[in-house]
N, C-alpha and C. Protein backbone atom coordinates (compact mmCIF):
# COMPACT_ATOMS: atom_id res chain seq x y z
N MET A 1 -21.29 -2.95 -27.65
CA MET A 1 -20.13 -3.20 -26.77
C MET A 1 -20.29 -2.38 -25.48
N LYS A 2 -20.03 -3.02 -24.36
CA LYS A 2 -20.19 -2.31 -23.07
C LYS A 2 -19.11 -1.27 -22.92
N ASP A 3 -19.52 -0.07 -22.55
CA ASP A 3 -18.58 1.03 -22.36
C ASP A 3 -17.64 0.68 -21.19
N HIS A 4 -16.32 0.77 -21.46
CA HIS A 4 -15.34 0.44 -20.42
C HIS A 4 -15.47 1.35 -19.21
N ALA A 5 -15.78 2.63 -19.45
CA ALA A 5 -15.91 3.58 -18.35
C ALA A 5 -17.07 3.27 -17.43
N ALA A 6 -18.06 2.57 -17.98
CA ALA A 6 -19.25 2.26 -17.18
C ALA A 6 -19.15 0.90 -16.50
N ALA A 7 -18.10 0.13 -16.82
CA ALA A 7 -17.92 -1.21 -16.24
C ALA A 7 -17.63 -1.13 -14.76
N HIS A 8 -18.17 -2.10 -13.99
CA HIS A 8 -17.93 -2.10 -12.55
C HIS A 8 -16.54 -2.66 -12.28
N ASP A 9 -15.90 -2.10 -11.27
CA ASP A 9 -14.56 -2.54 -10.88
C ASP A 9 -14.71 -3.62 -9.83
N HIS A 10 -14.36 -4.85 -10.17
CA HIS A 10 -14.47 -5.97 -9.24
C HIS A 10 -13.11 -6.39 -8.71
N THR A 11 -12.07 -5.60 -8.97
CA THR A 11 -10.74 -5.93 -8.48
C THR A 11 -10.61 -5.58 -6.99
N ALA A 12 -9.68 -6.26 -6.33
CA ALA A 12 -9.47 -6.05 -4.89
C ALA A 12 -8.78 -4.73 -4.62
N ASN A 13 -8.89 -4.27 -3.39
CA ASN A 13 -8.22 -3.04 -2.97
C ASN A 13 -6.74 -3.36 -2.69
N PRO A 14 -5.79 -2.79 -3.46
CA PRO A 14 -4.38 -3.10 -3.25
C PRO A 14 -3.73 -2.32 -2.13
N ALA A 15 -4.41 -1.32 -1.58
CA ALA A 15 -3.80 -0.45 -0.57
C ALA A 15 -3.32 -1.20 0.67
N PRO A 16 -4.08 -2.15 1.23
CA PRO A 16 -3.56 -2.86 2.41
C PRO A 16 -2.25 -3.61 2.12
N LEU A 17 -2.13 -4.16 0.94
CA LEU A 17 -0.88 -4.85 0.58
C LEU A 17 0.30 -3.87 0.58
N GLY A 18 0.10 -2.72 -0.04
CA GLY A 18 1.16 -1.72 -0.07
C GLY A 18 1.49 -1.19 1.30
N LEU A 19 0.45 -0.95 2.12
CA LEU A 19 0.66 -0.44 3.47
C LEU A 19 1.42 -1.45 4.34
N LEU A 20 1.11 -2.72 4.19
CA LEU A 20 1.82 -3.74 4.96
C LEU A 20 3.27 -3.85 4.52
N GLY A 21 3.50 -3.78 3.19
CA GLY A 21 4.88 -3.80 2.72
C GLY A 21 5.68 -2.65 3.26
N PHE A 22 5.07 -1.49 3.28
CA PHE A 22 5.73 -0.30 3.84
C PHE A 22 5.86 -0.38 5.35
N GLY A 23 4.75 -0.70 6.04
CA GLY A 23 4.71 -0.66 7.49
C GLY A 23 5.62 -1.66 8.14
N MET A 24 5.57 -2.91 7.72
CA MET A 24 6.36 -3.95 8.36
C MET A 24 7.85 -3.72 8.15
N THR A 25 8.23 -3.32 6.92
CA THR A 25 9.64 -3.05 6.64
C THR A 25 10.13 -1.85 7.42
N THR A 26 9.28 -0.82 7.54
CA THR A 26 9.65 0.38 8.29
C THR A 26 9.85 0.09 9.77
N VAL A 27 8.99 -0.74 10.34
CA VAL A 27 9.15 -1.09 11.76
C VAL A 27 10.47 -1.83 11.97
N LEU A 28 10.76 -2.79 11.10
CA LEU A 28 11.99 -3.58 11.27
C LEU A 28 13.25 -2.72 11.12
N LEU A 29 13.28 -1.86 10.09
CA LEU A 29 14.44 -0.99 9.91
C LEU A 29 14.63 -0.08 11.11
N ASN A 30 13.55 0.45 11.64
CA ASN A 30 13.65 1.40 12.74
C ASN A 30 13.88 0.75 14.09
N LEU A 31 13.58 -0.55 14.20
CA LEU A 31 14.07 -1.26 15.37
C LEU A 31 15.59 -1.31 15.36
N HIS A 32 16.16 -1.42 14.18
CA HIS A 32 17.63 -1.31 14.05
C HIS A 32 18.08 0.08 14.42
N ASN A 33 17.42 1.13 13.87
CA ASN A 33 17.81 2.49 14.17
C ASN A 33 17.71 2.80 15.67
N ALA A 34 16.75 2.14 16.33
CA ALA A 34 16.59 2.34 17.77
C ALA A 34 17.58 1.53 18.59
N GLY A 35 18.44 0.75 17.92
CA GLY A 35 19.48 0.03 18.60
C GLY A 35 19.08 -1.34 19.12
N VAL A 36 17.95 -1.88 18.62
CA VAL A 36 17.49 -3.18 19.11
C VAL A 36 18.29 -4.33 18.53
N PHE A 37 18.62 -4.26 17.24
CA PHE A 37 19.45 -5.27 16.57
C PHE A 37 20.18 -4.65 15.40
N GLU A 38 21.14 -5.43 14.87
CA GLU A 38 22.03 -4.93 13.81
C GLU A 38 21.32 -4.93 12.45
N LEU A 39 21.90 -4.19 11.51
CA LEU A 39 21.41 -4.19 10.14
C LEU A 39 21.96 -5.42 9.44
N GLY A 40 21.10 -6.39 9.14
CA GLY A 40 21.55 -7.63 8.54
C GLY A 40 20.70 -8.01 7.35
N SER A 41 20.84 -9.26 6.93
CA SER A 41 20.16 -9.75 5.74
C SER A 41 18.63 -9.74 5.87
N MET A 42 18.12 -9.87 7.09
CA MET A 42 16.66 -9.87 7.27
C MET A 42 16.07 -8.54 6.81
N ILE A 43 16.66 -7.43 7.23
CA ILE A 43 16.14 -6.11 6.85
C ILE A 43 16.34 -5.89 5.36
N LEU A 44 17.51 -6.28 4.84
CA LEU A 44 17.78 -6.09 3.42
C LEU A 44 16.80 -6.91 2.57
N ALA A 45 16.54 -8.13 2.99
CA ALA A 45 15.59 -8.97 2.23
C ALA A 45 14.19 -8.38 2.26
N MET A 46 13.78 -7.89 3.42
CA MET A 46 12.46 -7.21 3.51
C MET A 46 12.44 -5.98 2.62
N GLY A 47 13.54 -5.23 2.59
CA GLY A 47 13.61 -4.04 1.75
C GLY A 47 13.49 -4.36 0.28
N ILE A 48 14.08 -5.48 -0.16
CA ILE A 48 14.01 -5.84 -1.57
C ILE A 48 12.61 -6.35 -1.92
N PHE A 49 12.12 -7.33 -1.15
CA PHE A 49 10.94 -8.08 -1.57
C PHE A 49 9.62 -7.52 -1.08
N TYR A 50 9.49 -7.24 0.19
CA TYR A 50 8.18 -6.78 0.70
C TYR A 50 8.06 -5.26 0.68
N GLY A 51 9.07 -4.58 1.17
CA GLY A 51 9.03 -3.13 1.10
C GLY A 51 9.23 -2.62 -0.30
N GLY A 52 10.03 -3.30 -1.10
CA GLY A 52 10.34 -2.84 -2.45
C GLY A 52 9.42 -3.38 -3.52
N ILE A 53 9.64 -4.62 -3.96
CA ILE A 53 8.88 -5.19 -5.07
C ILE A 53 7.39 -5.24 -4.79
N CYS A 54 7.02 -5.62 -3.56
CA CYS A 54 5.60 -5.70 -3.22
C CYS A 54 4.91 -4.35 -3.33
N GLN A 55 5.55 -3.30 -2.86
CA GLN A 55 4.96 -1.96 -2.93
C GLN A 55 4.85 -1.47 -4.39
N VAL A 56 5.85 -1.76 -5.18
CA VAL A 56 5.78 -1.38 -6.59
C VAL A 56 4.58 -2.09 -7.26
N CYS A 57 4.41 -3.35 -6.96
CA CYS A 57 3.24 -4.10 -7.50
C CYS A 57 1.95 -3.45 -7.05
N ALA A 58 1.87 -3.06 -5.76
CA ALA A 58 0.67 -2.42 -5.24
C ALA A 58 0.43 -1.10 -5.97
N GLY A 59 1.50 -0.35 -6.23
CA GLY A 59 1.38 0.90 -6.97
C GLY A 59 0.83 0.71 -8.36
N LEU A 60 1.29 -0.35 -9.05
CA LEU A 60 0.78 -0.67 -10.39
C LEU A 60 -0.69 -1.07 -10.35
N MET A 61 -1.09 -1.76 -9.30
CA MET A 61 -2.49 -2.12 -9.14
C MET A 61 -3.35 -0.89 -8.86
N GLU A 62 -2.81 0.06 -8.12
CA GLU A 62 -3.51 1.31 -7.89
C GLU A 62 -3.68 2.09 -9.19
N TRP A 63 -2.66 2.03 -10.07
CA TRP A 63 -2.77 2.65 -11.40
C TRP A 63 -3.93 2.05 -12.18
N LYS A 64 -4.08 0.73 -12.10
CA LYS A 64 -5.16 0.06 -12.80
C LYS A 64 -6.51 0.54 -12.29
N LYS A 65 -6.59 0.87 -11.02
CA LYS A 65 -7.82 1.34 -10.42
C LYS A 65 -8.04 2.85 -10.60
N GLY A 66 -7.09 3.53 -11.24
CA GLY A 66 -7.22 4.96 -11.48
C GLY A 66 -6.92 5.83 -10.30
N ASN A 67 -6.14 5.30 -9.33
CA ASN A 67 -5.81 6.05 -8.11
C ASN A 67 -4.42 6.65 -8.25
N THR A 68 -4.36 7.94 -8.61
CA THR A 68 -3.06 8.59 -8.83
C THR A 68 -2.26 8.66 -7.54
N PHE A 69 -2.90 9.01 -6.42
CA PHE A 69 -2.20 9.14 -5.15
C PHE A 69 -1.58 7.79 -4.77
N GLY A 70 -2.35 6.72 -4.82
CA GLY A 70 -1.85 5.40 -4.47
C GLY A 70 -0.72 4.96 -5.40
N THR A 71 -0.86 5.28 -6.67
CA THR A 71 0.18 4.91 -7.65
C THR A 71 1.48 5.59 -7.31
N VAL A 72 1.44 6.91 -7.08
CA VAL A 72 2.67 7.66 -6.78
C VAL A 72 3.27 7.21 -5.46
N ALA A 73 2.43 7.06 -4.43
CA ALA A 73 2.94 6.72 -3.10
C ALA A 73 3.58 5.33 -3.05
N PHE A 74 2.82 4.32 -3.45
CA PHE A 74 3.34 2.96 -3.33
C PHE A 74 4.51 2.68 -4.26
N THR A 75 4.42 3.18 -5.50
CA THR A 75 5.53 2.96 -6.44
C THR A 75 6.76 3.69 -5.97
N SER A 76 6.60 4.93 -5.51
CA SER A 76 7.75 5.71 -5.05
C SER A 76 8.45 5.04 -3.85
N TYR A 77 7.66 4.67 -2.84
CA TYR A 77 8.28 4.11 -1.65
C TYR A 77 8.79 2.69 -1.90
N GLY A 78 8.21 1.98 -2.87
CA GLY A 78 8.77 0.68 -3.23
C GLY A 78 10.17 0.86 -3.79
N PHE A 79 10.34 1.84 -4.67
CA PHE A 79 11.68 2.09 -5.22
C PHE A 79 12.58 2.77 -4.20
N PHE A 80 12.02 3.46 -3.21
CA PHE A 80 12.83 3.97 -2.09
C PHE A 80 13.53 2.81 -1.39
N TRP A 81 12.78 1.76 -1.08
CA TRP A 81 13.36 0.63 -0.35
C TRP A 81 14.41 -0.06 -1.21
N LEU A 82 14.15 -0.20 -2.49
CA LEU A 82 15.12 -0.84 -3.39
C LEU A 82 16.38 0.01 -3.49
N SER A 83 16.22 1.33 -3.56
CA SER A 83 17.39 2.21 -3.65
C SER A 83 18.17 2.20 -2.33
N LEU A 84 17.45 2.11 -1.20
CA LEU A 84 18.13 2.10 0.10
C LEU A 84 18.96 0.84 0.25
N VAL A 85 18.43 -0.29 -0.19
CA VAL A 85 19.19 -1.53 -0.15
C VAL A 85 20.41 -1.41 -1.03
N ALA A 86 20.24 -0.80 -2.22
CA ALA A 86 21.39 -0.62 -3.13
C ALA A 86 22.46 0.25 -2.48
N LEU A 87 22.07 1.27 -1.74
CA LEU A 87 23.05 2.12 -1.05
C LEU A 87 23.88 1.33 -0.07
N VAL A 88 23.28 0.33 0.55
CA VAL A 88 23.98 -0.49 1.50
C VAL A 88 24.86 -1.54 0.82
N VAL A 89 24.31 -2.18 -0.22
CA VAL A 89 24.96 -3.34 -0.84
C VAL A 89 26.02 -2.96 -1.85
N LEU A 90 25.79 -1.90 -2.66
CA LEU A 90 26.72 -1.58 -3.73
C LEU A 90 28.18 -1.34 -3.24
N PRO A 91 28.35 -0.59 -2.15
CA PRO A 91 29.74 -0.40 -1.68
C PRO A 91 30.41 -1.71 -1.26
N LYS A 92 29.61 -2.66 -0.77
CA LYS A 92 30.19 -3.94 -0.32
C LYS A 92 30.63 -4.80 -1.50
N THR A 93 30.02 -4.57 -2.67
CA THR A 93 30.38 -5.34 -3.86
C THR A 93 31.51 -4.67 -4.63
N GLY A 94 31.88 -3.46 -4.24
CA GLY A 94 32.92 -2.73 -4.95
C GLY A 94 32.46 -2.04 -6.20
N LEU A 95 31.14 -2.03 -6.45
CA LEU A 95 30.60 -1.39 -7.67
C LEU A 95 30.46 0.12 -7.53
N ALA A 96 30.43 0.60 -6.29
CA ALA A 96 30.30 2.04 -6.06
C ALA A 96 30.87 2.40 -4.69
N ALA A 97 31.28 3.62 -4.56
CA ALA A 97 31.80 4.08 -3.27
C ALA A 97 30.65 4.29 -2.29
N ALA A 98 30.94 4.15 -1.03
CA ALA A 98 29.94 4.38 0.02
C ALA A 98 29.51 5.86 -0.02
N THR A 99 28.25 6.10 0.27
CA THR A 99 27.71 7.45 0.28
C THR A 99 28.15 8.18 1.54
N SER A 100 28.56 9.43 1.40
CA SER A 100 28.97 10.23 2.55
C SER A 100 27.77 10.57 3.41
N SER A 101 28.04 11.03 4.64
CA SER A 101 26.96 11.41 5.53
C SER A 101 26.16 12.59 4.92
N GLY A 102 26.86 13.48 4.26
CA GLY A 102 26.17 14.60 3.58
C GLY A 102 25.30 14.14 2.45
N GLY A 103 25.79 13.13 1.71
CA GLY A 103 24.99 12.57 0.62
C GLY A 103 23.75 11.88 1.14
N MET A 104 23.86 11.15 2.24
CA MET A 104 22.70 10.49 2.83
C MET A 104 21.71 11.51 3.36
N ALA A 105 22.23 12.59 3.94
CA ALA A 105 21.32 13.63 4.43
C ALA A 105 20.52 14.24 3.29
N ALA A 106 21.17 14.46 2.13
CA ALA A 106 20.48 15.02 0.97
C ALA A 106 19.44 14.01 0.44
N TYR A 107 19.81 12.74 0.39
CA TYR A 107 18.93 11.66 -0.05
C TYR A 107 17.66 11.61 0.81
N LEU A 108 17.86 11.62 2.11
CA LEU A 108 16.71 11.56 3.04
C LEU A 108 15.89 12.82 3.00
N ALA A 109 16.54 13.96 2.84
CA ALA A 109 15.80 15.24 2.77
C ALA A 109 14.88 15.27 1.55
N MET A 110 15.37 14.77 0.40
CA MET A 110 14.54 14.77 -0.80
C MET A 110 13.31 13.85 -0.62
N TRP A 111 13.51 12.72 0.00
CA TRP A 111 12.37 11.86 0.29
C TRP A 111 11.39 12.52 1.28
N GLY A 112 11.96 13.33 2.18
CA GLY A 112 11.11 14.08 3.09
C GLY A 112 10.25 15.12 2.37
N VAL A 113 10.83 15.76 1.32
CA VAL A 113 10.07 16.73 0.52
C VAL A 113 8.91 16.05 -0.19
N LEU A 114 9.20 14.88 -0.81
CA LEU A 114 8.14 14.13 -1.47
C LEU A 114 7.04 13.75 -0.50
N THR A 115 7.46 13.27 0.70
CA THR A 115 6.47 12.83 1.69
C THR A 115 5.62 13.98 2.20
N LEU A 116 6.23 15.16 2.36
CA LEU A 116 5.47 16.34 2.76
C LEU A 116 4.40 16.68 1.72
N MET A 117 4.78 16.59 0.44
CA MET A 117 3.83 16.84 -0.63
C MET A 117 2.65 15.87 -0.55
N LEU A 118 2.96 14.60 -0.35
CA LEU A 118 1.91 13.59 -0.26
C LEU A 118 1.06 13.79 1.01
N PHE A 119 1.71 14.23 2.10
CA PHE A 119 0.94 14.49 3.31
C PHE A 119 -0.15 15.55 3.07
N ILE A 120 0.18 16.56 2.30
CA ILE A 120 -0.82 17.60 1.98
C ILE A 120 -2.01 16.95 1.26
N GLY A 121 -1.72 15.97 0.38
CA GLY A 121 -2.81 15.25 -0.28
C GLY A 121 -3.66 14.46 0.67
N THR A 122 -3.08 13.96 1.78
CA THR A 122 -3.86 13.15 2.73
C THR A 122 -4.88 13.95 3.51
N LEU A 123 -4.77 15.30 3.45
CA LEU A 123 -5.76 16.12 4.16
C LEU A 123 -7.16 15.92 3.60
N ARG A 124 -7.26 15.33 2.40
CA ARG A 124 -8.55 15.00 1.82
C ARG A 124 -8.92 13.53 2.10
N LEU A 125 -8.04 12.80 2.81
CA LEU A 125 -8.27 11.40 3.07
C LEU A 125 -8.62 11.22 4.57
N ASN A 126 -8.29 10.04 5.12
CA ASN A 126 -8.66 9.79 6.51
C ASN A 126 -7.54 10.13 7.50
N ARG A 127 -7.86 10.16 8.77
CA ARG A 127 -6.94 10.60 9.82
C ARG A 127 -5.75 9.65 9.97
N VAL A 128 -5.97 8.36 9.81
CA VAL A 128 -4.88 7.41 10.00
C VAL A 128 -3.85 7.56 8.86
N THR A 129 -4.32 7.76 7.64
CA THR A 129 -3.42 8.01 6.53
C THR A 129 -2.64 9.31 6.76
N GLN A 130 -3.30 10.30 7.31
CA GLN A 130 -2.61 11.54 7.64
C GLN A 130 -1.50 11.29 8.65
N LEU A 131 -1.77 10.44 9.66
CA LEU A 131 -0.76 10.10 10.66
C LEU A 131 0.42 9.39 10.02
N VAL A 132 0.14 8.46 9.10
CA VAL A 132 1.23 7.72 8.43
C VAL A 132 2.18 8.70 7.74
N PHE A 133 1.63 9.61 6.94
CA PHE A 133 2.47 10.51 6.15
C PHE A 133 3.09 11.64 6.99
N ALA A 134 2.36 12.09 8.01
CA ALA A 134 2.95 13.12 8.89
C ALA A 134 4.14 12.56 9.66
N SER A 135 3.96 11.34 10.24
CA SER A 135 5.05 10.74 10.98
C SER A 135 6.21 10.35 10.07
N LEU A 136 5.92 9.99 8.81
CA LEU A 136 6.99 9.67 7.87
C LEU A 136 7.79 10.91 7.49
N THR A 137 7.08 12.04 7.34
CA THR A 137 7.76 13.33 7.07
C THR A 137 8.72 13.65 8.19
N VAL A 138 8.23 13.51 9.42
CA VAL A 138 9.10 13.78 10.59
C VAL A 138 10.28 12.81 10.63
N LEU A 139 10.00 11.55 10.30
CA LEU A 139 11.08 10.54 10.32
C LEU A 139 12.20 10.89 9.34
N PHE A 140 11.85 11.25 8.11
CA PHE A 140 12.86 11.62 7.14
C PHE A 140 13.66 12.85 7.61
N ALA A 141 12.96 13.81 8.21
CA ALA A 141 13.61 15.00 8.71
C ALA A 141 14.61 14.65 9.83
N LEU A 142 14.20 13.81 10.75
CA LEU A 142 15.07 13.41 11.86
C LEU A 142 16.30 12.67 11.36
N LEU A 143 16.07 11.75 10.43
CA LEU A 143 17.19 10.95 9.90
C LEU A 143 18.16 11.82 9.09
N ALA A 144 17.59 12.76 8.32
CA ALA A 144 18.46 13.67 7.53
C ALA A 144 19.34 14.51 8.44
N VAL A 145 18.74 15.06 9.49
CA VAL A 145 19.51 15.89 10.42
C VAL A 145 20.53 15.02 11.17
N ALA A 146 20.13 13.81 11.54
CA ALA A 146 21.06 12.91 12.27
C ALA A 146 22.26 12.59 11.39
N ASP A 147 22.04 12.34 10.10
CA ASP A 147 23.18 12.05 9.20
C ASP A 147 24.04 13.29 8.99
N ALA A 148 23.37 14.45 8.87
CA ALA A 148 24.14 15.69 8.61
C ALA A 148 25.00 16.09 9.78
N THR A 149 24.53 15.81 11.00
CA THR A 149 25.23 16.24 12.22
C THR A 149 26.01 15.13 12.90
N GLY A 150 25.72 13.86 12.53
CA GLY A 150 26.37 12.74 13.21
C GLY A 150 25.83 12.53 14.60
N ASN A 151 24.63 13.02 14.89
CA ASN A 151 24.03 12.90 16.22
C ASN A 151 23.37 11.52 16.38
N GLU A 152 23.99 10.63 17.14
CA GLU A 152 23.49 9.29 17.33
C GLU A 152 22.22 9.26 18.18
N THR A 153 22.12 10.18 19.13
CA THR A 153 20.91 10.24 19.97
C THR A 153 19.69 10.57 19.12
N LEU A 154 19.87 11.48 18.16
CA LEU A 154 18.78 11.84 17.26
C LEU A 154 18.37 10.66 16.42
N LYS A 155 19.34 9.84 16.02
CA LYS A 155 19.02 8.65 15.23
C LYS A 155 18.20 7.66 16.05
N LEU A 156 18.53 7.54 17.34
CA LEU A 156 17.73 6.67 18.22
C LEU A 156 16.32 7.18 18.35
N VAL A 157 16.15 8.49 18.50
CA VAL A 157 14.81 9.08 18.58
C VAL A 157 14.06 8.81 17.28
N ALA A 158 14.74 8.98 16.16
CA ALA A 158 14.13 8.70 14.85
C ALA A 158 13.69 7.24 14.74
N GLY A 159 14.48 6.34 15.32
CA GLY A 159 14.12 4.92 15.31
C GLY A 159 12.80 4.66 15.96
N TRP A 160 12.58 5.20 17.16
CA TRP A 160 11.32 5.00 17.86
C TRP A 160 10.18 5.68 17.19
N GLU A 161 10.43 6.88 16.60
CA GLU A 161 9.38 7.56 15.88
C GLU A 161 9.03 6.79 14.60
N GLY A 162 10.03 6.15 13.97
CA GLY A 162 9.79 5.35 12.79
C GLY A 162 8.97 4.10 13.10
N ILE A 163 9.15 3.54 14.28
CA ILE A 163 8.34 2.39 14.69
C ILE A 163 6.87 2.83 14.75
N LEU A 164 6.60 4.00 15.29
CA LEU A 164 5.23 4.54 15.35
C LEU A 164 4.68 4.71 13.93
N CYS A 165 5.52 5.23 13.03
CA CYS A 165 5.10 5.44 11.64
C CYS A 165 4.71 4.11 10.99
N GLY A 166 5.58 3.11 11.11
CA GLY A 166 5.31 1.81 10.51
C GLY A 166 4.08 1.16 11.13
N ALA A 167 3.95 1.28 12.45
CA ALA A 167 2.80 0.68 13.13
C ALA A 167 1.49 1.30 12.66
N SER A 168 1.51 2.62 12.39
CA SER A 168 0.28 3.28 11.92
C SER A 168 -0.11 2.78 10.52
N ALA A 169 0.89 2.48 9.69
CA ALA A 169 0.61 1.92 8.36
C ALA A 169 0.03 0.51 8.47
N ILE A 170 0.58 -0.30 9.40
CA ILE A 170 0.05 -1.64 9.61
C ILE A 170 -1.40 -1.55 10.11
N TYR A 171 -1.67 -0.63 11.01
CA TYR A 171 -3.03 -0.44 11.52
C TYR A 171 -3.98 -0.07 10.34
N ALA A 172 -3.54 0.85 9.48
CA ALA A 172 -4.37 1.27 8.34
C ALA A 172 -4.69 0.07 7.44
N ALA A 173 -3.69 -0.78 7.22
CA ALA A 173 -3.91 -1.97 6.40
C ALA A 173 -4.88 -2.93 7.07
N ALA A 174 -4.69 -3.18 8.35
CA ALA A 174 -5.59 -4.07 9.09
C ALA A 174 -7.03 -3.57 9.08
N ALA A 175 -7.17 -2.24 9.25
CA ALA A 175 -8.51 -1.65 9.26
C ALA A 175 -9.21 -1.85 7.93
N GLN A 176 -8.50 -1.61 6.81
CA GLN A 176 -9.13 -1.78 5.51
C GLN A 176 -9.51 -3.22 5.22
N VAL A 177 -8.65 -4.16 5.62
CA VAL A 177 -8.96 -5.57 5.40
C VAL A 177 -10.15 -6.03 6.25
N LEU A 178 -10.08 -5.76 7.57
CA LEU A 178 -11.13 -6.23 8.48
C LEU A 178 -12.46 -5.52 8.24
N ASN A 179 -12.43 -4.23 7.97
CA ASN A 179 -13.68 -3.51 7.69
C ASN A 179 -14.37 -4.05 6.47
N GLU A 180 -13.58 -4.44 5.45
CA GLU A 180 -14.19 -5.01 4.22
C GLU A 180 -14.72 -6.41 4.48
N VAL A 181 -13.96 -7.23 5.21
CA VAL A 181 -14.37 -8.60 5.47
C VAL A 181 -15.66 -8.66 6.29
N TYR A 182 -15.75 -7.77 7.31
CA TYR A 182 -16.92 -7.81 8.19
C TYR A 182 -18.05 -6.91 7.73
N GLY A 183 -17.79 -6.09 6.70
CA GLY A 183 -18.85 -5.23 6.19
C GLY A 183 -19.27 -4.14 7.13
N ARG A 184 -18.42 -3.79 8.07
CA ARG A 184 -18.71 -2.73 9.03
C ARG A 184 -17.38 -2.19 9.57
N THR A 185 -17.43 -1.12 10.35
CA THR A 185 -16.21 -0.54 10.89
C THR A 185 -15.76 -1.33 12.11
N VAL A 186 -14.73 -2.15 11.93
CA VAL A 186 -14.12 -2.88 13.03
C VAL A 186 -13.02 -2.02 13.66
N LEU A 187 -12.18 -1.46 12.78
CA LEU A 187 -11.14 -0.54 13.22
C LEU A 187 -11.35 0.79 12.50
N PRO A 188 -11.63 1.86 13.23
CA PRO A 188 -11.91 3.15 12.58
C PRO A 188 -10.67 3.75 11.93
N LEU A 189 -10.89 4.42 10.82
CA LEU A 189 -9.81 5.12 10.11
C LEU A 189 -9.89 6.63 10.29
N GLY A 190 -11.01 7.10 10.84
CA GLY A 190 -11.18 8.53 11.01
C GLY A 190 -11.48 9.23 9.70
N GLU A 191 -12.57 8.84 9.09
CA GLU A 191 -12.92 9.40 7.78
C GLU A 191 -13.11 10.92 7.87
N VAL A 192 -12.68 11.62 6.83
CA VAL A 192 -12.81 13.08 6.74
C VAL A 192 -13.99 13.42 5.88
N ALA A 193 -14.83 14.30 6.37
CA ALA A 193 -16.01 14.72 5.60
C ALA A 193 -15.57 15.43 4.31
N GLN A 194 -16.12 15.02 3.19
CA GLN A 194 -15.76 15.62 1.91
C GLN A 194 -16.74 16.74 1.59
N HIS A 195 -16.22 17.92 1.30
CA HIS A 195 -17.05 19.07 0.95
C HIS A 195 -16.92 19.35 -0.53
N LYS A 196 -18.04 19.57 -1.17
CA LYS A 196 -18.04 19.84 -2.60
C LYS A 196 -17.39 21.20 -2.86
N VAL A 197 -16.43 21.19 -3.79
CA VAL A 197 -15.71 22.42 -4.14
C VAL A 197 -16.50 23.16 -5.21
N VAL A 198 -16.87 24.42 -4.91
CA VAL A 198 -17.62 25.24 -5.85
C VAL A 198 -16.68 26.17 -6.59
N PRO A 199 -16.64 26.11 -7.92
CA PRO A 199 -15.75 26.99 -8.69
C PRO A 199 -15.97 28.44 -8.36
N LEU A 200 -14.90 29.26 -8.43
CA LEU A 200 -14.97 30.65 -8.07
C LEU A 200 -15.97 31.40 -8.94
N HIS A 201 -16.06 31.05 -10.23
CA HIS A 201 -16.97 31.81 -11.09
C HIS A 201 -18.43 31.57 -10.70
N CYS A 202 -18.70 30.34 -10.13
CA CYS A 202 -20.04 30.04 -9.68
C CYS A 202 -20.39 30.84 -8.43
N LYS A 203 -19.37 31.01 -7.54
CA LYS A 203 -19.60 31.79 -6.33
C LYS A 203 -19.90 33.23 -6.69
N ALA A 204 -19.17 33.75 -7.66
CA ALA A 204 -19.40 35.15 -8.05
C ALA A 204 -20.76 35.35 -8.65
N ALA A 205 -21.28 34.30 -9.35
CA ALA A 205 -22.60 34.43 -9.94
C ALA A 205 -23.66 34.45 -8.85
């Protein structure tokens, strides 16, 4: 019987799908935050289906490929979008009270903590992925402070910064798809040189 560990992985890369689900939904929500249009069914539908369910599916596919970082990131942000839609919809149905500004600030701050942790992990990955998580960390911080203080100008700034964040994720997805299709670097990701980590006991020897 062929050893499962030695079998070749012929499955597709799910990361571009997850990045597009995140990036496109993030751009649309932050166009609203920037004051371009109202928060309506279009954003909520994207939050449920493409930002939410699609990213969770991508996270499960990353689990199948043995990618812990991708599993945690895509699954977490997929459920972030689903929870965000629930925060908007539940009060309108009468099933729960609307969240206070302080509650939203705490919600956004906790997601910022998770994102900062994941950003540290991207220091071993490529530059574009670092930009996605760095800008997302800043976005959560700006939104949390805007909700805590009621500063509408800060929310507008967060909106435009969020558009940059979403656009960088879309770029990362496009780069991975096109580079694979053409078999060469069409859109650079800024690969980081990997250095072999030598255990401390080996250095001492």
